Amino acid sequence: MVKLLQVDKTSSVVCEQTTMTEQDLREVANLETWIVDHPEVIDPKMKIVTTQFNRWASEEGSALERPDIIGLSDSGELVVIELKRIKDKTVHLQALTYAALASSFTLDVLAQEHAAWHNKQFQPTDPMTEVQAKEELESFLEVDDEFDEELAFALPKIMLVAPEFPAQVLTTVQWLNEVAPDLTIECHQYHLFTVPTGETVANLVVSFNRTFPVEDISQLRLRAQSPRVTAAKEQQKTRRQRSVSRILDHDLIPHGASLDFDPSGQVNQESVSTLEAWLDQDPTRRDFTWNSHSQKPLKWGVEPEKEWTANSLCNEFFKRAGVPRGKFNANKAWFYQGENLALVAERAPSDLEI
């Protein structure tokens, strides 16, 4: 059982645990909003794509299923999040159905839904287009010529969020973890508390905690490793984590550092020549700096107040220079001190290093 204290130096007061039902709170209007505003409470590097998606159809008809949140994880997996305001013994069954449906998503559909959701959610004065949404998702996923969206989205990650999980839910989730190890299911439990204020309206705080899979302490023990095992684990970790995240996590590029842009080797020479000539027309067009932002790590001298993803800035160059942009890995076109971002990211130390 989770306990919470409100403290002030040497004094403390117990915060009373409450429920969403007691506080007249709702899944969509409240719990969903909390997680959309702060997805880091269940995944520090997750990107929200859309919420309450309900357009499923086949030749035989349509379905009414409505997953609460669809996102993308830092590892590139599609994420299906199911929320509950009370204990529910069928939460995992719903989520499995939603994951099966979501496995049919394509990048184009995700981009279309993300643009529509973003514009409805934030009501920006300059609405996001489907093209911009796709560029944003491609940058987050680090899409290149080897990206296969059918494989990338075929096995969505499932995240269950509830105040409590019945034994049958945990039993099924653990069983699935054993018999289907490629399927990732997480259980996140939240607790709601009232904070004493002396006012008639109580302040509320909520905590989130992953209850499954539980961190295995044996995984934290230090053991002697052969070079082969160490290399294999490092390779697996590198594939799971995006280059920009690794660079930021390990501070491999200082904020404000100068970068170079060179797509040669990935783009045909005629396009490279046209692009280079356009960039050389104005010195500010080659003014690129590193911006310590997990989503938009680049700044450009032409529009110094704006932040860019590696992919979106590449697209801007090709668009303004009038050059068709083929598929290529944008992180391999940006260089810091002679190394592209993908290579810089590989210099991040392994978790096995002491």
Protein backbone atom coordinates (compact mmCIF):
# COMPACT_ATOMS: atom_id res chain seq x y z
CA MET A 1 0.00 0.00 0.00
CA VAL A 2 1.30 3.44 -0.99
CA LYS A 3 1.52 6.10 1.71
CA LEU A 4 2.05 9.80 1.09
CA LEU A 5 3.11 12.54 3.51
CA GLN A 6 2.89 16.27 3.09
CA VAL A 7 6.02 17.60 4.77
CA ASP A 8 7.38 20.98 5.83
CA LYS A 9 10.87 20.58 7.30
CA THR A 10 10.15 18.87 10.65
CA SER A 11 6.33 18.69 10.45
CA SER A 12 4.30 16.24 8.38
CA VAL A 13 0.68 15.37 7.66
CA VAL A 14 -0.70 12.15 6.20
CA CYS A 15 -2.38 12.56 2.83
CA GLU A 16 -5.54 10.50 2.68
CA GLN A 17 -5.91 8.08 -0.21
CA THR A 18 -9.03 8.59 -2.31
CA THR A 19 -10.46 7.32 -5.61
CA MET A 20 -11.52 8.82 -8.89
CA THR A 21 -15.08 7.75 -8.15
CA GLU A 22 -15.09 9.56 -4.81
CA GLN A 23 -13.70 12.69 -6.49
CA ASP A 24 -16.11 12.42 -9.45
CA LEU A 25 -13.22 12.16 -11.92
CA ARG A 26 -13.44 10.53 -15.36
CA GLU A 27 -11.14 8.43 -17.55
CA VAL A 28 -11.14 10.67 -20.61
CA ALA A 29 -11.62 14.11 -19.10
CA ASN A 30 -9.14 13.57 -16.26
CA LEU A 31 -6.89 10.47 -16.29
CA GLU A 32 -6.32 10.61 -20.03
CA THR A 33 -5.58 14.34 -19.87
CA TRP A 34 -3.01 13.85 -17.11
CA ILE A 35 -1.10 11.28 -19.16
CA VAL A 36 -1.36 13.20 -22.43
CA ASP A 37 0.03 16.29 -20.69
CA HIS A 38 2.77 14.28 -18.95
CA PRO A 39 3.41 10.96 -20.75
CA GLU A 40 6.70 10.70 -18.86
CA VAL A 41 4.81 9.41 -15.79
CA ILE A 42 4.49 6.04 -17.55
CA ASP A 43 7.18 6.32 -20.23
CA PRO A 44 9.82 9.09 -20.14
CA LYS A 45 10.30 9.15 -23.92
CA MET A 46 6.92 8.30 -25.38
CA LYS A 47 5.28 10.39 -28.09
CA ILE A 48 1.49 10.70 -28.08
CA VAL A 49 0.03 10.17 -31.56
CA THR A 50 -3.71 10.33 -30.94
CA THR A 51 -6.47 9.53 -28.45
CA GLN A 52 -9.86 7.83 -28.65
CA PHE A 53 -9.31 6.52 -32.19
CA ASN A 54 -12.44 4.67 -33.36
CA ARG A 55 -12.35 4.32 -37.14
CA TRP A 56 -11.92 0.62 -37.86
CA ALA A 57 -13.45 -0.97 -40.93
CA SER A 58 -13.32 -4.07 -43.13
CA GLU A 59 -15.24 -5.41 -46.08
CA GLU A 60 -17.63 -7.01 -43.59
CA GLY A 61 -18.35 -3.88 -41.58
CA SER A 62 -16.92 -1.62 -38.87
CA ALA A 63 -15.96 -1.91 -35.20
CA LEU A 64 -16.68 0.36 -32.25
CA GLU A 65 -13.49 -0.31 -30.29
CA ARG A 66 -11.84 2.85 -28.98
CA PRO A 67 -8.33 2.60 -27.46
CA ASP A 68 -7.69 5.46 -25.06
CA ILE A 69 -4.22 6.49 -26.24
CA ILE A 70 -2.05 5.53 -29.21
CA GLY A 71 1.61 6.47 -28.97
CA LEU A 72 5.12 5.64 -30.13
CA SER A 73 7.85 4.46 -27.81
CA ASP A 74 11.48 5.51 -27.91
CA SER A 75 12.31 2.07 -29.32
CA GLY A 76 10.00 2.69 -32.29
CA GLU A 77 7.16 0.44 -31.14
CA LEU A 78 3.54 1.39 -31.52
CA VAL A 79 2.02 1.78 -28.04
CA VAL A 80 -1.59 1.05 -27.07
CA ILE A 81 -2.64 2.45 -23.68
CA GLU A 82 -5.84 1.39 -21.93
CA LEU A 83 -7.00 3.43 -18.93
CA LYS A 84 -9.37 2.50 -16.12
CA ARG A 85 -10.79 4.61 -13.28
CA ILE A 86 -11.76 1.50 -11.28
CA LYS A 87 -10.51 -2.08 -10.93
CA ASP A 88 -11.51 -4.01 -14.07
CA LYS A 89 -10.94 -7.72 -14.63
CA THR A 90 -11.25 -7.40 -18.43
CA VAL A 91 -8.83 -4.52 -19.00
CA HIS A 92 -6.20 -6.82 -20.57
CA LEU A 93 -8.72 -8.40 -22.94
CA GLN A 94 -9.77 -5.01 -24.25
CA ALA A 95 -6.16 -3.95 -24.69
CA LEU A 96 -5.27 -7.13 -26.60
CA THR A 97 -8.11 -6.45 -29.03
CA TYR A 98 -7.00 -2.85 -29.47
CA ALA A 99 -3.39 -3.93 -30.08
CA ALA A 100 -4.52 -6.42 -32.75
CA LEU A 101 -6.51 -3.67 -34.47
CA ALA A 102 -3.69 -1.13 -34.15
CA SER A 103 -1.22 -3.52 -35.78
CA SER A 104 -2.81 -2.55 -39.11
CA PHE A 105 -1.71 1.08 -38.78
CA THR A 106 0.51 2.55 -41.47
CA LEU A 107 2.71 5.62 -41.13
CA ASP A 108 0.36 7.57 -43.40
CA VAL A 109 -2.67 6.76 -41.24
CA LEU A 110 -0.77 7.63 -38.06
CA ALA A 111 0.30 10.95 -39.59
CA GLN A 112 -3.25 11.75 -40.65
CA GLU A 113 -4.59 11.00 -37.18
CA HIS A 114 -1.75 12.82 -35.41
CA ALA A 115 -2.36 16.01 -37.40
CA ALA A 116 -6.10 15.90 -36.72
CA TRP A 117 -5.57 15.18 -33.02
CA HIS A 118 -2.86 17.83 -32.61
CA ASN A 119 -5.02 20.53 -34.21
CA LYS A 120 -8.04 19.61 -32.10
CA GLN A 121 -6.02 19.26 -28.89
CA PHE A 122 -3.96 22.44 -29.09
CA GLN A 123 -5.96 24.55 -31.58
CA PRO A 124 -2.80 26.18 -32.98
CA THR A 125 -3.02 29.34 -35.08
CA ASP A 126 -0.91 27.52 -37.69
CA PRO A 127 -2.52 24.04 -37.94
CA MET A 128 -0.29 21.03 -38.45
CA THR A 129 -0.59 19.47 -41.91
CA GLU A 130 -0.50 15.73 -42.58
CA VAL A 131 2.85 16.24 -44.33
CA GLN A 132 4.28 17.96 -41.25
CA ALA A 133 2.86 15.26 -39.00
CA LYS A 134 4.46 12.55 -41.11
CA GLU A 135 7.81 14.35 -41.02
CA GLU A 136 7.55 14.62 -37.23
CA LEU A 137 6.77 10.91 -36.85
CA GLU A 138 9.48 9.91 -39.33
CA SER A 139 12.01 11.95 -37.37
CA PHE A 140 10.94 10.39 -34.08
CA LEU A 141 11.19 6.90 -35.59
CA GLU A 142 14.40 7.74 -37.48
CA VAL A 143 12.90 6.41 -40.69
CA ASP A 144 15.37 5.45 -43.39
CA ASP A 145 15.44 3.15 -46.43
CA GLU A 146 15.51 0.08 -44.17
CA PHE A 147 12.38 1.09 -42.23
CA ASP A 148 9.54 -1.41 -42.68
CA GLU A 149 6.33 -0.07 -41.18
CA GLU A 150 4.59 -3.44 -41.43
CA LEU A 151 7.25 -4.93 -39.17
CA ALA A 152 7.57 -1.81 -37.00
CA PHE A 153 3.88 -1.71 -36.08
CA ALA A 154 3.06 -5.42 -36.26
CA LEU A 155 3.42 -6.04 -32.54
CA PRO A 156 2.28 -3.02 -30.50
CA LYS A 157 3.38 -2.55 -26.93
CA ILE A 158 0.46 -2.68 -24.46
CA MET A 159 0.29 -0.48 -21.36
CA LEU A 160 -2.49 -0.95 -18.81
CA VAL A 161 -3.12 1.92 -16.39
CA ALA A 162 -5.49 1.38 -13.46
CA PRO A 163 -5.80 2.00 -9.71
CA GLU A 164 -5.66 -1.74 -9.06
CA PHE A 165 -5.21 -4.97 -11.03
CA PRO A 166 -7.25 -8.10 -10.14
CA ALA A 167 -5.39 -11.37 -9.73
CA GLN A 168 -6.77 -12.77 -12.99
CA VAL A 169 -5.36 -9.79 -14.92
CA LEU A 170 -1.88 -10.15 -13.42
CA THR A 171 -1.97 -13.92 -13.90
CA THR A 172 -2.86 -13.57 -17.59
CA VAL A 173 -0.31 -10.83 -18.18
CA GLN A 174 2.46 -12.86 -16.57
CA TRP A 175 1.45 -15.95 -18.56
CA LEU A 176 1.51 -13.99 -21.82
CA ASN A 177 4.93 -12.65 -20.88
CA GLU A 178 6.18 -16.24 -20.60
CA VAL A 179 4.53 -17.83 -23.65
CA ALA A 180 4.76 -14.80 -25.96
CA PRO A 181 8.04 -13.07 -25.04
CA ASP A 182 7.92 -10.82 -28.12
CA LEU A 183 4.71 -9.24 -26.83
CA THR A 184 5.33 -6.44 -24.32
CA ILE A 185 2.65 -5.75 -21.71
CA GLU A 186 3.10 -3.38 -18.80
CA CYS A 187 0.84 -2.70 -15.82
CA HIS A 188 0.98 0.80 -14.34
CA GLN A 189 -0.86 1.45 -11.08
CA TYR A 190 -1.83 4.92 -9.93
CA HIS A 191 -2.91 6.23 -6.52
CA LEU A 192 -4.90 9.37 -5.83
CA PHE A 193 -4.49 11.37 -2.62
CA THR A 194 -6.09 14.41 -1.04
CA VAL A 195 -3.63 16.97 0.30
CA PRO A 196 -4.75 18.78 3.48
CA THR A 197 -5.17 22.49 2.75
CA GLY A 198 -7.63 23.74 5.35
CA GLU A 199 -9.91 24.77 2.48
CA THR A 200 -13.29 23.26 1.59
CA VAL A 201 -11.87 22.07 -1.75
CA ALA A 202 -9.06 19.55 -1.29
CA ASN A 203 -5.98 19.54 -3.49
CA LEU A 204 -5.27 16.26 -5.22
CA VAL A 205 -2.03 14.53 -6.15
CA VAL A 206 -1.60 11.32 -8.12
CA SER A 207 1.31 8.88 -8.21
CA PHE A 208 2.15 6.38 -10.95
CA ASN A 209 4.14 3.19 -10.52
CA ARG A 210 4.90 0.31 -12.87
CA THR A 211 3.87 -2.89 -11.11
CA PHE A 212 4.59 -5.30 -13.99
CA PRO A 213 7.09 -6.26 -15.12
CA VAL A 214 8.76 -5.81 -11.76
CA GLU A 215 12.43 -4.94 -11.93
CA ASP A 216 14.42 -8.06 -11.21
CA ILE A 217 17.20 -7.30 -8.73
CA SER A 218 19.25 -10.12 -10.27
CA GLN A 219 19.53 -7.97 -13.40
CA LEU A 220 21.32 -5.31 -11.35
CA ARG A 221 24.03 -7.62 -10.04
CA LEU A 222 27.46 -7.09 -11.53
CA ARG A 223 28.98 -10.14 -13.18
CA ALA A 224 32.03 -10.83 -15.29
CA GLN A 225 31.05 -10.62 -18.99
CA SER A 226 32.80 -11.98 -22.03
CA PRO A 227 33.54 -9.41 -24.76
CA ARG A 228 31.10 -11.23 -27.04
CA VAL A 229 28.20 -10.96 -24.55
CA THR A 230 28.99 -7.33 -23.81
CA ALA A 231 29.02 -6.43 -27.52
CA ALA A 232 25.75 -8.24 -28.15
CA LYS A 233 23.97 -6.45 -25.30
CA GLU A 234 25.31 -3.10 -26.41
CA GLN A 235 24.12 -3.73 -29.96
CA GLN A 236 20.63 -4.59 -28.69
CA LYS A 237 20.53 -1.43 -26.58
CA THR A 238 21.66 0.73 -29.51
CA ARG A 239 18.87 -0.63 -31.70
CA ARG A 240 16.27 0.07 -29.02
CA GLN A 241 17.19 3.67 -28.30
CA ARG A 242 17.08 6.57 -30.73
CA SER A 243 20.29 8.39 -31.62
CA VAL A 244 19.10 11.80 -30.41
CA SER A 245 18.05 10.34 -27.05
CA ARG A 246 21.45 8.69 -26.54
CA ILE A 247 23.27 11.90 -27.43
CA LEU A 248 21.17 13.94 -24.99
CA ASP A 249 21.25 11.35 -22.21
CA HIS A 250 25.04 11.28 -22.28
CA ASP A 251 25.64 14.95 -23.21
CA LEU A 252 27.72 13.97 -26.25
CA ILE A 253 27.13 17.29 -28.05
CA PRO A 254 27.23 20.59 -26.13
CA HIS A 255 24.21 22.86 -26.39
CA GLY A 256 24.85 25.48 -29.09
CA ALA A 257 27.61 23.47 -30.80
CA SER A 258 27.99 23.93 -34.56
CA LEU A 259 26.90 21.15 -36.90
CA ASP A 260 27.53 20.42 -40.57
CA PHE A 261 25.09 19.10 -43.15
CA ASP A 262 26.21 16.63 -45.83
CA PRO A 263 23.74 14.21 -47.46
CA SER A 264 26.25 12.93 -50.03
CA GLY A 265 26.48 9.17 -50.09
CA GLN A 266 22.77 8.91 -49.39
CA VAL A 267 21.41 11.17 -52.15
CA ASN A 268 22.25 11.17 -55.87
CA GLN A 269 25.08 13.52 -56.87
CA GLU A 270 22.91 15.77 -59.06
CA SER A 271 20.57 16.53 -56.16
CA VAL A 272 23.52 17.06 -53.81
CA SER A 273 25.10 19.58 -56.20
CA THR A 274 21.86 21.55 -56.53
CA LEU A 275 21.36 21.51 -52.77
CA GLU A 276 24.96 22.56 -52.06
CA ALA A 277 24.67 25.47 -54.52
CA TRP A 278 21.48 26.66 -52.82
CA LEU A 279 23.03 26.47 -49.35
CA ASP A 280 26.10 28.43 -50.51
CA GLN A 281 23.99 31.39 -51.71
CA ASP A 282 23.58 32.69 -48.15
CA PRO A 283 26.01 32.11 -45.22
CA THR A 284 23.12 31.83 -42.75
CA ARG A 285 21.84 28.80 -44.65
CA ARG A 286 24.83 26.86 -43.35
CA ASP A 287 24.47 28.10 -39.78
CA PHE A 288 23.37 24.96 -37.90
CA THR A 289 23.57 24.49 -34.12
CA TRP A 290 22.69 21.73 -31.68
CA ASN A 291 19.64 22.41 -29.51
CA SER A 292 19.32 20.26 -26.37
CA HIS A 293 15.70 19.27 -27.00
CA SER A 294 14.55 15.64 -27.11
CA GLN A 295 12.19 16.20 -30.06
CA LYS A 296 13.69 19.12 -32.00
CA PRO A 297 17.48 19.14 -31.51
CA LEU A 298 18.48 21.55 -34.30
CA LYS A 299 18.42 25.29 -34.89
CA TRP A 300 18.99 27.09 -38.19
CA GLY A 301 20.41 30.55 -38.78
CA VAL A 302 17.75 31.42 -41.37
CA GLU A 303 14.99 31.07 -38.77
CA PRO A 304 16.89 31.29 -35.45
CA GLU A 305 13.82 31.21 -33.18
CA LYS A 306 12.49 27.98 -34.63
CA GLU A 307 13.43 24.46 -33.50
CA TRP A 308 13.74 21.59 -35.95
CA THR A 309 14.00 17.83 -36.03
CA ALA A 310 16.85 16.40 -38.10
CA ASN A 311 14.33 15.14 -40.61
CA SER A 312 12.17 18.28 -40.87
CA LEU A 313 15.17 20.55 -41.49
CA CYS A 314 16.42 18.22 -44.22
CA ASN A 315 12.98 18.37 -45.82
CA GLU A 316 13.01 22.16 -45.62
CA PHE A 317 16.31 22.32 -47.52
CA PHE A 318 15.07 20.05 -50.31
CA LYS A 319 11.79 21.97 -50.55
CA ARG A 320 13.41 25.42 -50.76
CA ALA A 321 16.12 24.24 -53.15
CA GLY A 322 13.51 22.61 -55.41
CA VAL A 323 15.11 19.18 -55.14
CA PRO A 324 13.02 16.00 -54.74
CA ARG A 325 13.77 14.30 -51.45
CA GLY A 326 14.21 10.57 -51.50
CA LYS A 327 14.31 8.37 -48.42
CA PHE A 328 17.47 8.49 -46.35
CA ASN A 329 18.54 8.52 -42.72
CA ALA A 330 18.62 12.17 -41.67
CA ASN A 331 20.82 11.44 -38.65
CA LYS A 332 23.54 10.29 -41.04
CA ALA A 333 23.41 13.62 -42.88
CA TRP A 334 24.16 15.77 -39.81
CA PHE A 335 27.74 15.90 -38.53
CA TYR A 336 29.42 17.01 -35.33
CA GLN A 337 33.21 17.26 -35.48
CA GLY A 338 33.35 14.93 -38.48
CA GLU A 339 30.98 12.25 -37.14
CA ASN A 340 27.34 11.89 -38.11
CA LEU A 341 24.76 11.79 -35.32
CA ALA A 342 24.33 8.03 -35.59
CA LEU A 343 28.07 7.53 -34.99
CA VAL A 344 28.12 10.09 -32.18
CA ALA A 345 25.31 8.18 -30.48
CA GLU A 346 27.35 4.97 -30.61
CA ARG A 347 29.94 6.63 -28.34
CA ALA A 348 27.43 6.58 -25.48
CA PRO A 349 28.77 4.33 -22.70
CA SER A 350 27.19 0.96 -22.11
CA ASP A 351 25.11 0.30 -18.99
CA LEU A 352 27.62 -2.47 -18.30
CA GLU A 353 30.48 -0.01 -17.95
CA ILE A 354 31.38 1.06 -14.42
